[in-house]
Amino acid sequence: MPKIAEIEYTPNPNAVKFLLKEPVALGFPKSFPNAEIAANDELAKALFEVGHVVSVFMQDKWLTVTKTDDVKWPDLLPKLAAPIRAASSISGQTAEATAKREFNKINDEHDEILKKVHAILEESILPALAADGGGLEVVGRVDKQVMIRYQGACNSCPSSLTGTLAAIEGMLQKEIDPELVVVSV
């Protein structure tokens, strides 16, 4: 049973981050952008069943819930806390499950640009996004265009399409190629 250690508001007014005392997802993040995709995950399914939930994003000992505009957090938070507290912890998983995350969206495993993109994201960008209850995945690359998809609190945050995207693009241009363009899909 994951216990809630703390609830943090994120830069996205429609997303909160629950810090937990026990893990709900080890290694790889788990993203549920809708109830249909969440149907096979006990906790994500239960959170969507509360209502007013747009997406759920889990990683290690935290999860982010994004809500609809028509409900206020003080009304929704107590309803979300119940399924989180009732959920099973996954702390008994093997060390293999806790291994360092490896990206699996590389279109070509020999693509040196994507390898560099992943390394920079893993080192500099993903920890900052995770601190705000979000993340991203690299969808692929076409020529000088790198496609990413935001997850968790970042998925619907106004900052992700402006400041954050520009910062990611600037970092990749500086470190890899000044002609790279980053597109959110």
C-alpha atoms as a PDB file:
ATOM      1  CA  MET A   1       0.000   0.000   0.000  1.00  0.00           C
ATOM      2  CA  PRO A   2       1.725   3.183  -1.163  1.00  0.00           C
ATOM      3  CA  LYS A   3       1.471   5.863   1.467  1.00  0.00           C
ATOM      4  CA  ILE A   4       1.324   9.484   0.388  1.00  0.00           C
ATOM      5  CA  ALA A   5       4.306  11.362   1.774  1.00  0.00           C
ATOM      6  CA  GLU A   6       3.453  14.713   0.234  1.00  0.00           C
ATOM      7  CA  ILE A   7       1.344  16.386  -2.444  1.00  0.00           C
ATOM      8  CA  GLU A   8       3.016  19.025  -4.611  1.00  0.00           C
ATOM      9  CA  TYR A   9       1.381  21.456  -6.965  1.00  0.00           C
ATOM     10  CA  THR A  10       3.126  21.658 -10.335  1.00  0.00           C
ATOM     11  CA  PRO A  11       3.584  24.532 -12.801  1.00  0.00           C
ATOM     12  CA  ASN A  12       0.545  23.061 -14.591  1.00  0.00           C
ATOM     13  CA  PRO A  13      -2.510  24.240 -12.603  1.00  0.00           C
ATOM     14  CA  ASN A  14      -4.394  21.083 -13.619  1.00  0.00           C
ATOM     15  CA  ALA A  15      -1.734  18.626 -12.403  1.00  0.00           C
ATOM     16  CA  VAL A  16      -0.543  17.565  -8.958  1.00  0.00           C
ATOM     17  CA  LYS A  17       2.339  15.318  -8.011  1.00  0.00           C
ATOM     18  CA  PHE A  18       1.923  12.740  -5.244  1.00  0.00           C
ATOM     19  CA  LEU A  19       5.215  11.851  -3.556  1.00  0.00           C
ATOM     20  CA  LEU A  20       4.943   8.320  -2.164  1.00  0.00           C
ATOM     21  CA  LYS A  21       6.744   6.312   0.491  1.00  0.00           C
ATOM     22  CA  GLU A  22       6.681   3.174  -1.686  1.00  0.00           C
ATOM     23  CA  PRO A  23       7.266   2.762  -5.432  1.00  0.00           C
ATOM     24  CA  VAL A  24       4.443   2.352  -7.929  1.00  0.00           C
ATOM     25  CA  ALA A  25       6.645   2.136 -11.046  1.00  0.00           C
ATOM     26  CA  LEU A  26      10.293   1.131 -11.040  1.00  0.00           C
ATOM     27  CA  GLY A  27      12.762   2.114 -13.732  1.00  0.00           C
ATOM     28  CA  PHE A  28      10.510   2.940 -16.648  1.00  0.00           C
ATOM     29  CA  PRO A  29       7.818   5.580 -16.346  1.00  0.00           C
ATOM     30  CA  LYS A  30       4.220   4.505 -16.881  1.00  0.00           C
ATOM     31  CA  SER A  31       2.076   6.958 -18.820  1.00  0.00           C
ATOM     32  CA  PHE A  32      -1.705   6.670 -19.082  1.00  0.00           C
ATOM     33  CA  PRO A  33      -3.062   9.456 -21.319  1.00  0.00           C
ATOM     34  CA  ASN A  34      -6.621   8.089 -21.103  1.00  0.00           C
ATOM     35  CA  ALA A  35      -8.834   5.579 -19.278  1.00  0.00           C
ATOM     36  CA  GLU A  36      -8.667   2.996 -22.065  1.00  0.00           C
ATOM     37  CA  ILE A  37      -4.896   2.701 -21.809  1.00  0.00           C
ATOM     38  CA  ALA A  38      -5.176   2.602 -18.001  1.00  0.00           C
ATOM     39  CA  ALA A  39      -7.593  -0.357 -18.062  1.00  0.00           C
ATOM     40  CA  ASN A  40      -4.848  -2.933 -17.370  1.00  0.00           C
ATOM     41  CA  ASP A  41      -3.181  -1.051 -14.503  1.00  0.00           C
ATOM     42  CA  GLU A  42      -5.010  -1.361 -11.187  1.00  0.00           C
ATOM     43  CA  LEU A  43      -3.972   1.996  -9.748  1.00  0.00           C
ATOM     44  CA  ALA A  44      -4.305   4.052 -12.939  1.00  0.00           C
ATOM     45  CA  LYS A  45      -7.714   2.503 -13.638  1.00  0.00           C
ATOM     46  CA  ALA A  46      -8.901   3.334 -10.104  1.00  0.00           C
ATOM     47  CA  LEU A  47      -7.718   6.940 -10.455  1.00  0.00           C
ATOM     48  CA  PHE A  48      -9.615   7.400 -13.728  1.00  0.00           C
ATOM     49  CA  GLU A  49     -12.708   5.883 -12.094  1.00  0.00           C
ATOM     50  CA  VAL A  50     -12.681   8.738  -9.545  1.00  0.00           C
ATOM     51  CA  GLY A  51     -13.714  10.999 -12.419  1.00  0.00           C
ATOM     52  CA  HIS A  52     -12.373  14.300 -13.742  1.00  0.00           C
ATOM     53  CA  VAL A  53      -8.984  12.647 -14.433  1.00  0.00           C
ATOM     54  CA  VAL A  54      -7.388  13.414 -17.807  1.00  0.00           C
ATOM     55  CA  SER A  55      -4.105  11.497 -17.414  1.00  0.00           C
ATOM     56  CA  VAL A  56      -1.935   9.607 -14.933  1.00  0.00           C
ATOM     57  CA  PHE A  57       1.859   9.421 -15.042  1.00  0.00           C
ATOM     58  CA  MET A  58       3.899   7.237 -12.652  1.00  0.00           C
ATOM     59  CA  GLN A  59       7.601   6.881 -12.015  1.00  0.00           C
ATOM     60  CA  ASP A  60       9.376   5.292  -9.069  1.00  0.00           C
ATOM     61  CA  LYS A  61       7.976   6.814  -5.868  1.00  0.00           C
ATOM     62  CA  TRP A  62       5.746   9.483  -7.384  1.00  0.00           C
ATOM     63  CA  LEU A  63       2.764   9.891  -9.622  1.00  0.00           C
ATOM     64  CA  THR A  64       1.120  12.832 -11.323  1.00  0.00           C
ATOM     65  CA  VAL A  65      -2.600  13.196 -11.921  1.00  0.00           C
ATOM     66  CA  THR A  66      -3.922  15.737 -14.412  1.00  0.00           C
ATOM     67  CA  LYS A  67      -7.559  16.816 -13.995  1.00  0.00           C
ATOM     68  CA  THR A  68     -10.247  18.503 -16.035  1.00  0.00           C
ATOM     69  CA  ASP A  69     -10.816  22.260 -15.676  1.00  0.00           C
ATOM     70  CA  ASP A  70     -14.291  21.877 -14.148  1.00  0.00           C
ATOM     71  CA  VAL A  71     -13.234  20.579 -10.714  1.00  0.00           C
ATOM     72  CA  LYS A  72     -11.141  22.181  -7.978  1.00  0.00           C
ATOM     73  CA  TRP A  73      -8.231  20.386  -6.291  1.00  0.00           C
ATOM     74  CA  PRO A  74      -9.672  20.636  -2.755  1.00  0.00           C
ATOM     75  CA  ASP A  75     -12.698  18.644  -3.957  1.00  0.00           C
ATOM     76  CA  LEU A  76     -10.722  16.068  -5.952  1.00  0.00           C
ATOM     77  CA  LEU A  77      -7.626  15.372  -3.817  1.00  0.00           C
ATOM     78  CA  PRO A  78      -9.412  13.394  -1.062  1.00  0.00           C
ATOM     79  CA  LYS A  79     -11.080  11.215  -3.704  1.00  0.00           C
ATOM     80  CA  LEU A  80      -7.730  10.496  -5.388  1.00  0.00           C
ATOM     81  CA  ALA A  81      -5.992   9.687  -2.105  1.00  0.00           C
ATOM     82  CA  ALA A  82      -8.176   6.629  -1.420  1.00  0.00           C
ATOM     83  CA  PRO A  83      -7.118   4.533  -4.467  1.00  0.00           C
ATOM     84  CA  ILE A  84      -3.480   5.558  -4.022  1.00  0.00           C
ATOM     85  CA  ARG A  85      -3.473   4.365  -0.424  1.00  0.00           C
ATOM     86  CA  ALA A  86      -5.267   1.149  -1.395  1.00  0.00           C
ATOM     87  CA  ALA A  87      -2.908   0.305  -4.278  1.00  0.00           C
ATOM     88  CA  SER A  88      -0.297  -2.407  -4.057  1.00  0.00           C
ATOM     89  CA  SER A  89       3.344  -1.416  -3.855  1.00  0.00           C
ATOM     90  CA  ILE A  90       5.749  -2.907  -6.371  1.00  0.00           C
ATOM     91  CA  SER A  91       8.758  -2.815  -4.069  1.00  0.00           C
ATOM     92  CA  GLY A  92       9.155  -6.575  -4.362  1.00  0.00           C
ATOM     93  CA  GLN A  93      10.233  -6.444  -7.995  1.00  0.00           C
ATOM     94  CA  THR A  94      13.589  -7.786  -9.055  1.00  0.00           C
ATOM     95  CA  ALA A  95      16.719  -5.719  -9.510  1.00  0.00           C
ATOM     96  CA  GLU A  96      16.242  -6.199 -13.249  1.00  0.00           C
ATOM     97  CA  ALA A  97      13.091  -4.086 -13.056  1.00  0.00           C
ATOM     98  CA  THR A  98      14.956  -1.291 -11.291  1.00  0.00           C
ATOM     99  CA  ALA A  99      17.771  -1.092 -13.815  1.00  0.00           C
ATOM    100  CA  LYS A 100      18.633   2.276 -15.305  1.00  0.00           C
ATOM    101  CA  ARG A 101      16.000   3.322 -17.763  1.00  0.00           C
ATOM    102  CA  GLU A 102      16.814   2.709 -21.400  1.00  0.00           C
ATOM    103  CA  PHE A 103      14.927   4.534 -24.105  1.00  0.00           C
ATOM    104  CA  ASN A 104      13.073   2.267 -26.479  1.00  0.00           C
ATOM    105  CA  LYS A 105      11.761   4.716 -29.055  1.00  0.00           C
ATOM    106  CA  ILE A 106      14.912   4.920 -31.161  1.00  0.00           C
ATOM    107  CA  ASN A 107      13.961   4.315 -34.786  1.00  0.00           C
ATOM    108  CA  ASP A 108      17.473   3.220 -35.648  1.00  0.00           C
ATOM    109  CA  GLU A 109      19.705   1.862 -32.903  1.00  0.00           C
ATOM    110  CA  HIS A 110      22.725   3.106 -34.855  1.00  0.00           C
ATOM    111  CA  ASP A 111      21.452   6.701 -35.004  1.00  0.00           C
ATOM    112  CA  GLU A 112      24.242   8.636 -33.287  1.00  0.00           C
ATOM    113  CA  ILE A 113      22.216  11.841 -33.083  1.00  0.00           C
ATOM    114  CA  LEU A 114      19.385  10.116 -31.209  1.00  0.00           C
ATOM    115  CA  LYS A 115      21.879   8.461 -28.880  1.00  0.00           C
ATOM    116  CA  LYS A 116      23.296  11.897 -28.019  1.00  0.00           C
ATOM    117  CA  VAL A 117      19.772  13.334 -27.633  1.00  0.00           C
ATOM    118  CA  HIS A 118      18.872  10.573 -25.186  1.00  0.00           C
ATOM    119  CA  ALA A 119      22.063  11.074 -23.175  1.00  0.00           C
ATOM    120  CA  ILE A 120      21.473  14.823 -22.833  1.00  0.00           C
ATOM    121  CA  LEU A 121      17.817  14.350 -21.914  1.00  0.00           C
ATOM    122  CA  GLU A 122      18.663  11.703 -19.326  1.00  0.00           C
ATOM    123  CA  GLU A 123      21.336  13.894 -17.745  1.00  0.00           C
ATOM    124  CA  SER A 124      19.839  17.373 -17.857  1.00  0.00           C
ATOM    125  CA  ILE A 125      16.186  17.514 -18.844  1.00  0.00           C
ATOM    126  CA  LEU A 126      14.349  14.490 -17.421  1.00  0.00           C
ATOM    127  CA  PRO A 127      15.320  15.128 -13.773  1.00  0.00           C
ATOM    128  CA  ALA A 128      13.974  18.680 -14.018  1.00  0.00           C
ATOM    129  CA  LEU A 129      10.724  17.538 -15.625  1.00  0.00           C
ATOM    130  CA  ALA A 130      10.326  14.768 -13.045  1.00  0.00           C
ATOM    131  CA  ALA A 131      10.720  17.311 -10.254  1.00  0.00           C
ATOM    132  CA  ASP A 132       7.579  18.994 -11.594  1.00  0.00           C
ATOM    133  CA  GLY A 133       5.667  15.732 -12.052  1.00  0.00           C
ATOM    134  CA  GLY A 134       6.300  15.221 -15.737  1.00  0.00           C
ATOM    135  CA  GLY A 135       8.491  13.646 -18.322  1.00  0.00           C
ATOM    136  CA  LEU A 136       8.906  13.147 -22.027  1.00  0.00           C
ATOM    137  CA  GLU A 137       9.664  10.467 -24.538  1.00  0.00           C
ATOM    138  CA  VAL A 138      11.535  10.745 -27.806  1.00  0.00           C
ATOM    139  CA  VAL A 139       9.217   9.621 -30.578  1.00  0.00           C
ATOM    140  CA  GLY A 140      11.827   9.696 -33.326  1.00  0.00           C
ATOM    141  CA  ARG A 141      13.857  11.802 -35.704  1.00  0.00           C
ATOM    142  CA  VAL A 142      13.486  12.890 -39.308  1.00  0.00           C
ATOM    143  CA  ASP A 143      16.540  14.645 -40.703  1.00  0.00           C
ATOM    144  CA  LYS A 144      17.224  17.595 -38.351  1.00  0.00           C
ATOM    145  CA  GLN A 145      13.855  17.337 -36.585  1.00  0.00           C
ATOM    146  CA  VAL A 146      13.597  15.528 -33.208  1.00  0.00           C
ATOM    147  CA  MET A 147      10.057  14.648 -32.157  1.00  0.00           C
ATOM    148  CA  ILE A 148       9.160  14.411 -28.478  1.00  0.00           C
ATOM    149  CA  ARG A 149       5.963  13.706 -26.545  1.00  0.00           C
ATOM    150  CA  TYR A 150       5.420  15.261 -23.134  1.00  0.00           C
ATOM    151  CA  GLN A 151       4.033  13.107 -20.309  1.00  0.00           C
ATOM    152  CA  GLY A 152       2.476  13.684 -16.914  1.00  0.00           C
ATOM    153  CA  ALA A 153       2.141  17.285 -15.755  1.00  0.00           C
ATOM    154  CA  CYS A 154       4.132  18.453 -18.781  1.00  0.00           C
ATOM    155  CA  ASN A 155       1.593  17.035 -21.253  1.00  0.00           C
ATOM    156  CA  SER A 156      -0.935  19.851 -20.860  1.00  0.00           C
ATOM    157  CA  CYS A 157       1.219  22.508 -19.216  1.00  0.00           C
ATOM    158  CA  PRO A 158       1.329  25.842 -21.061  1.00  0.00           C
ATOM    159  CA  SER A 159       5.070  26.141 -20.272  1.00  0.00           C
ATOM    160  CA  SER A 160       5.918  22.894 -22.071  1.00  0.00           C
ATOM    161  CA  LEU A 161       5.025  24.295 -25.483  1.00  0.00           C
ATOM    162  CA  THR A 162       6.958  27.501 -25.033  1.00  0.00           C
ATOM    163  CA  GLY A 163       9.774  27.849 -22.514  1.00  0.00           C
ATOM    164  CA  THR A 164      10.528  24.194 -21.883  1.00  0.00           C
ATOM    165  CA  LEU A 165      10.510  23.244 -25.559  1.00  0.00           C
ATOM    166  CA  ALA A 166      12.768  26.187 -26.415  1.00  0.00           C
ATOM    167  CA  ALA A 167      15.164  25.270 -23.591  1.00  0.00           C
ATOM    168  CA  ILE A 168      15.365  21.648 -24.770  1.00  0.00           C
ATOM    169  CA  GLU A 169      15.925  22.732 -28.356  1.00  0.00           C
ATOM    170  CA  GLY A 170      18.603  25.250 -27.320  1.00  0.00           C
ATOM    171  CA  MET A 171      20.465  22.664 -25.270  1.00  0.00           C
ATOM    172  CA  LEU A 172      20.400  20.092 -28.084  1.00  0.00           C
ATOM    173  CA  GLN A 173      21.498  22.705 -30.620  1.00  0.00           C
ATOM    174  CA  LYS A 174      24.412  23.720 -28.424  1.00  0.00           C
ATOM    175  CA  GLU A 175      25.512  20.177 -27.574  1.00  0.00           C
ATOM    176  CA  ILE A 176      24.766  18.304 -30.818  1.00  0.00           C
ATOM    177  CA  ASP A 177      23.883  20.359 -33.897  1.00  0.00           C
ATOM    178  CA  PRO A 178      22.859  24.023 -34.218  1.00  0.00           C
ATOM    179  CA  GLU A 179      20.350  23.088 -36.926  1.00  0.00           C
ATOM    180  CA  LEU A 180      18.317  20.651 -34.795  1.00  0.00           C
ATOM    181  CA  VAL A 181      14.658  21.485 -34.317  1.00  0.00           C
ATOM    182  CA  VAL A 182      12.581  19.932 -31.513  1.00  0.00           C
ATOM    183  CA  VAL A 183       8.885  19.374 -32.128  1.00  0.00           C
ATOM    184  CA  SER A 184       6.280  18.293 -29.607  1.00  0.00           C
ATOM    185  CA  VAL A 185       3.848  15.751 -31.073  1.00  0.00           C
END
